Amino acid sequence: PRMVPVSPLGLSDIVQVALGASTACALSARGEVQCWGRGEDYELGDGGDVSRSSPGVVPGLDRVVELVAQRSTFCARRHDGGVWCWG
């Protein structure tokens, strides 16, 4: 637990955060998504099933404008209206 607010894991330029059951993803102003936390159900978006304590970029996903989460599933809406989901 933290006694005072801190910037999570050195992230900056973040415009949105989506929180799943045990995973978090952040959307940067550049349209890049980074995820960290539990990965056993592929929530991190990198194709692996290993948990990670530091943010990692979701590969192949760019120009994202919106990010949502529900339990262990994350979805991103790209600038062109396409929707990509994982987890």
N, C-alpha and C. Protein backbone atom coordinates (compact mmCIF):
# COMPACT_ATOMS: atom_id res chain seq x y z
N PRO A 1 0.82 -1.21 0.00
CA PRO A 1 0.00 0.00 0.00
C PRO A 1 0.86 1.26 0.00
N ARG A 2 0.34 2.28 -0.61
CA ARG A 2 1.02 3.59 -0.68
C ARG A 2 0.31 4.56 0.26
N MET A 3 1.10 5.34 0.98
CA MET A 3 0.54 6.33 1.90
C MET A 3 0.13 7.61 1.18
N VAL A 4 0.78 7.90 0.04
CA VAL A 4 0.48 9.08 -0.76
C VAL A 4 0.44 8.68 -2.23
N PRO A 5 -0.26 9.43 -3.07
CA PRO A 5 -0.32 9.10 -4.50
C PRO A 5 1.06 9.18 -5.16
N VAL A 6 1.32 8.25 -6.08
CA VAL A 6 2.54 8.25 -6.87
C VAL A 6 2.20 7.93 -8.32
N SER A 7 3.07 8.30 -9.23
CA SER A 7 2.89 7.95 -10.63
C SER A 7 3.22 6.47 -10.78
N PRO A 8 2.29 5.66 -11.29
CA PRO A 8 2.54 4.22 -11.37
C PRO A 8 3.63 3.87 -12.37
N LEU A 9 4.65 3.24 -11.86
CA LEU A 9 5.68 2.61 -12.68
C LEU A 9 6.33 3.53 -13.69
N GLY A 10 6.39 4.82 -13.40
CA GLY A 10 7.08 5.75 -14.27
C GLY A 10 6.35 6.10 -15.56
N LEU A 11 5.08 5.80 -15.66
CA LEU A 11 4.32 6.14 -16.87
C LEU A 11 4.14 7.64 -16.96
N SER A 12 4.12 8.16 -18.18
CA SER A 12 3.85 9.58 -18.40
C SER A 12 3.08 9.73 -19.69
N ASP A 13 2.50 10.91 -19.89
CA ASP A 13 1.76 11.20 -21.12
C ASP A 13 0.54 10.29 -21.27
N ILE A 14 -0.05 9.85 -20.15
CA ILE A 14 -1.18 8.93 -20.16
C ILE A 14 -2.49 9.72 -20.22
N VAL A 15 -3.38 9.29 -21.11
CA VAL A 15 -4.67 9.96 -21.26
C VAL A 15 -5.83 9.12 -20.73
N GLN A 16 -5.59 7.81 -20.51
CA GLN A 16 -6.65 6.94 -20.01
C GLN A 16 -6.04 5.70 -19.39
N VAL A 17 -6.70 5.20 -18.35
CA VAL A 17 -6.29 3.95 -17.70
C VAL A 17 -7.51 3.05 -17.62
N ALA A 18 -7.32 1.76 -17.91
CA ALA A 18 -8.39 0.77 -17.79
C ALA A 18 -7.93 -0.29 -16.80
N LEU A 19 -8.78 -0.59 -15.82
CA LEU A 19 -8.43 -1.54 -14.77
C LEU A 19 -9.28 -2.79 -14.88
N GLY A 20 -8.60 -3.93 -15.00
CA GLY A 20 -9.27 -5.21 -14.98
C GLY A 20 -9.25 -5.77 -13.56
N ALA A 21 -9.54 -7.04 -13.41
CA ALA A 21 -9.57 -7.66 -12.09
C ALA A 21 -8.20 -7.63 -11.42
N SER A 22 -7.15 -7.95 -12.14
CA SER A 22 -5.79 -7.97 -11.59
C SER A 22 -4.76 -7.45 -12.58
N THR A 23 -5.22 -6.68 -13.56
CA THR A 23 -4.36 -6.16 -14.61
C THR A 23 -4.76 -4.71 -14.88
N ALA A 24 -3.79 -3.90 -15.27
CA ALA A 24 -4.06 -2.51 -15.64
C ALA A 24 -3.42 -2.23 -16.99
N CYS A 25 -4.07 -1.39 -17.77
CA CYS A 25 -3.52 -0.94 -19.04
C CYS A 25 -3.66 0.57 -19.12
N ALA A 26 -2.67 1.21 -19.72
CA ALA A 26 -2.67 2.66 -19.86
C ALA A 26 -2.55 3.03 -21.33
N LEU A 27 -3.28 4.05 -21.72
CA LEU A 27 -3.26 4.57 -23.09
C LEU A 27 -2.50 5.89 -23.09
N SER A 28 -1.48 5.98 -23.91
CA SER A 28 -0.70 7.22 -23.99
C SER A 28 -1.31 8.15 -25.03
N ALA A 29 -0.92 9.40 -24.98
CA ALA A 29 -1.38 10.40 -25.95
C ALA A 29 -0.92 10.04 -27.36
N ARG A 30 0.11 9.22 -27.49
CA ARG A 30 0.59 8.76 -28.80
C ARG A 30 -0.25 7.62 -29.36
N GLY A 31 -1.21 7.09 -28.58
CA GLY A 31 -2.05 6.00 -29.04
C GLY A 31 -1.48 4.63 -28.76
N GLU A 32 -0.50 4.55 -27.88
CA GLU A 32 0.15 3.29 -27.52
C GLU A 32 -0.48 2.76 -26.22
N VAL A 33 -0.65 1.44 -26.12
CA VAL A 33 -1.21 0.81 -24.92
C VAL A 33 -0.12 0.00 -24.24
N GLN A 34 -0.01 0.19 -22.92
CA GLN A 34 0.93 -0.58 -22.11
C GLN A 34 0.15 -1.24 -20.98
N CYS A 35 0.45 -2.51 -20.72
CA CYS A 35 -0.26 -3.26 -19.68
C CYS A 35 0.72 -3.90 -18.69
N TRP A 36 0.24 -4.12 -17.47
CA TRP A 36 1.02 -4.79 -16.44
C TRP A 36 0.07 -5.45 -15.45
N GLY A 37 0.57 -6.42 -14.71
CA GLY A 37 -0.23 -7.13 -13.72
C GLY A 37 -0.31 -8.61 -14.05
N ARG A 38 -1.44 -9.20 -13.75
CA ARG A 38 -1.66 -10.62 -13.96
C ARG A 38 -1.74 -10.92 -15.46
N GLY A 39 -1.10 -12.01 -15.88
CA GLY A 39 -1.10 -12.35 -17.29
C GLY A 39 -1.55 -13.76 -17.60
N GLU A 40 -2.03 -14.50 -16.59
CA GLU A 40 -2.38 -15.91 -16.79
C GLU A 40 -3.48 -16.14 -17.81
N ASP A 41 -4.35 -15.16 -18.02
CA ASP A 41 -5.41 -15.28 -19.02
C ASP A 41 -5.16 -14.38 -20.22
N TYR A 42 -3.89 -14.09 -20.49
CA TYR A 42 -3.46 -13.30 -21.65
C TYR A 42 -3.92 -11.85 -21.59
N GLU A 43 -4.14 -11.34 -20.37
CA GLU A 43 -4.60 -9.97 -20.20
C GLU A 43 -3.59 -8.91 -20.61
N LEU A 44 -2.33 -9.27 -20.73
CA LEU A 44 -1.30 -8.27 -21.03
C LEU A 44 -1.21 -7.95 -22.52
N GLY A 45 -1.88 -8.73 -23.35
CA GLY A 45 -1.96 -8.43 -24.77
C GLY A 45 -0.72 -8.75 -25.57
N ASP A 46 0.26 -9.43 -24.96
CA ASP A 46 1.49 -9.74 -25.69
C ASP A 46 1.57 -11.21 -26.10
N GLY A 47 0.49 -11.96 -25.93
CA GLY A 47 0.46 -13.36 -26.33
C GLY A 47 1.02 -14.31 -25.29
N GLY A 48 1.60 -13.78 -24.23
CA GLY A 48 2.15 -14.62 -23.17
C GLY A 48 1.18 -14.79 -22.02
N ASP A 49 1.47 -15.76 -21.17
CA ASP A 49 0.60 -16.01 -20.01
C ASP A 49 1.37 -15.88 -18.70
N VAL A 50 2.33 -14.95 -18.68
CA VAL A 50 3.15 -14.70 -17.50
C VAL A 50 2.83 -13.31 -16.97
N SER A 51 2.69 -13.18 -15.66
CA SER A 51 2.43 -11.87 -15.05
C SER A 51 3.67 -10.99 -15.14
N ARG A 52 3.43 -9.67 -15.08
CA ARG A 52 4.53 -8.71 -15.20
C ARG A 52 4.24 -7.51 -14.30
N SER A 53 5.24 -7.06 -13.56
CA SER A 53 5.04 -5.94 -12.63
C SER A 53 5.34 -4.59 -13.25
N SER A 54 5.94 -4.55 -14.43
CA SER A 54 6.20 -3.28 -15.09
C SER A 54 5.46 -3.24 -16.43
N PRO A 55 5.08 -2.05 -16.87
CA PRO A 55 4.31 -1.93 -18.11
C PRO A 55 5.07 -2.44 -19.33
N GLY A 56 4.34 -3.10 -20.21
CA GLY A 56 4.88 -3.55 -21.48
C GLY A 56 3.92 -3.17 -22.59
N VAL A 57 4.46 -2.77 -23.72
CA VAL A 57 3.65 -2.34 -24.86
C VAL A 57 2.89 -3.52 -25.44
N VAL A 58 1.61 -3.29 -25.78
CA VAL A 58 0.81 -4.29 -26.49
C VAL A 58 1.25 -4.22 -27.95
N PRO A 59 1.92 -5.27 -28.45
CA PRO A 59 2.47 -5.22 -29.81
C PRO A 59 1.39 -5.23 -30.89
N GLY A 60 1.67 -4.54 -31.98
CA GLY A 60 0.76 -4.53 -33.12
C GLY A 60 -0.47 -3.67 -32.94
N LEU A 61 -0.51 -2.91 -31.86
CA LEU A 61 -1.67 -2.07 -31.58
C LEU A 61 -1.20 -0.63 -31.49
N ASP A 62 -1.66 0.21 -32.42
CA ASP A 62 -1.25 1.61 -32.41
C ASP A 62 -2.44 2.50 -32.73
N ARG A 63 -2.26 3.78 -32.57
CA ARG A 63 -3.28 4.79 -32.87
C ARG A 63 -4.60 4.50 -32.16
N VAL A 64 -4.48 4.06 -30.92
CA VAL A 64 -5.66 3.78 -30.09
C VAL A 64 -6.21 5.08 -29.54
N VAL A 65 -7.55 5.21 -29.51
CA VAL A 65 -8.19 6.42 -28.99
C VAL A 65 -9.04 6.14 -27.75
N GLU A 66 -9.34 4.86 -27.47
CA GLU A 66 -10.15 4.53 -26.30
C GLU A 66 -9.81 3.12 -25.82
N LEU A 67 -9.87 2.94 -24.52
CA LEU A 67 -9.49 1.68 -23.90
C LEU A 67 -10.51 1.34 -22.82
N VAL A 68 -11.00 0.09 -22.80
CA VAL A 68 -11.94 -0.36 -21.77
C VAL A 68 -11.53 -1.73 -21.26
N ALA A 69 -12.00 -2.05 -20.05
CA ALA A 69 -11.69 -3.35 -19.44
C ALA A 69 -12.92 -3.88 -18.72
N GLN A 70 -13.04 -5.20 -18.70
CA GLN A 70 -14.08 -5.90 -17.94
C GLN A 70 -13.47 -7.20 -17.45
N ARG A 71 -13.19 -7.27 -16.16
CA ARG A 71 -12.55 -8.43 -15.52
C ARG A 71 -11.20 -8.75 -16.17
N SER A 72 -11.10 -9.77 -17.00
CA SER A 72 -9.81 -10.11 -17.60
C SER A 72 -9.78 -9.85 -19.10
N THR A 73 -10.70 -9.07 -19.62
CA THR A 73 -10.75 -8.74 -21.04
C THR A 73 -10.55 -7.24 -21.23
N PHE A 74 -9.71 -6.89 -22.18
CA PHE A 74 -9.46 -5.49 -22.53
C PHE A 74 -9.80 -5.29 -23.99
N CYS A 75 -10.34 -4.13 -24.32
CA CYS A 75 -10.63 -3.78 -25.71
C CYS A 75 -10.13 -2.37 -25.98
N ALA A 76 -9.61 -2.17 -27.18
CA ALA A 76 -9.11 -0.88 -27.61
C ALA A 76 -9.78 -0.50 -28.92
N ARG A 77 -10.21 0.77 -29.00
CA ARG A 77 -10.78 1.29 -30.24
C ARG A 77 -9.71 2.15 -30.91
N ARG A 78 -9.42 1.82 -32.16
CA ARG A 78 -8.41 2.55 -32.91
C ARG A 78 -9.02 3.77 -33.59
N HIS A 79 -8.19 4.64 -34.10
CA HIS A 79 -8.61 5.88 -34.77
C HIS A 79 -9.54 5.63 -35.95
N ASP A 80 -9.40 4.48 -36.60
CA ASP A 80 -10.21 4.16 -37.77
C ASP A 80 -11.52 3.45 -37.42
N GLY A 81 -11.82 3.31 -36.13
CA GLY A 81 -13.06 2.66 -35.69
C GLY A 81 -12.93 1.17 -35.44
N GLY A 82 -11.80 0.58 -35.80
CA GLY A 82 -11.58 -0.83 -35.55
C GLY A 82 -11.43 -1.11 -34.06
N VAL A 83 -11.93 -2.23 -33.62
CA VAL A 83 -11.85 -2.62 -32.21
C VAL A 83 -11.04 -3.89 -32.10
N TRP A 84 -10.10 -3.89 -31.15
CA TRP A 84 -9.22 -5.04 -30.89
C TRP A 84 -9.37 -5.41 -29.43
N CYS A 85 -9.55 -6.72 -29.15
CA CYS A 85 -9.74 -7.18 -27.77
C CYS A 85 -8.77 -8.33 -27.47
N TRP A 86 -8.43 -8.48 -26.18
CA TRP A 86 -7.55 -9.56 -25.73
C TRP A 86 -7.89 -9.91 -24.29
N GLY A 87 -7.42 -11.06 -23.88
CA GLY A 87 -7.64 -11.52 -22.51
C GLY A 87 -8.76 -12.51 -22.42
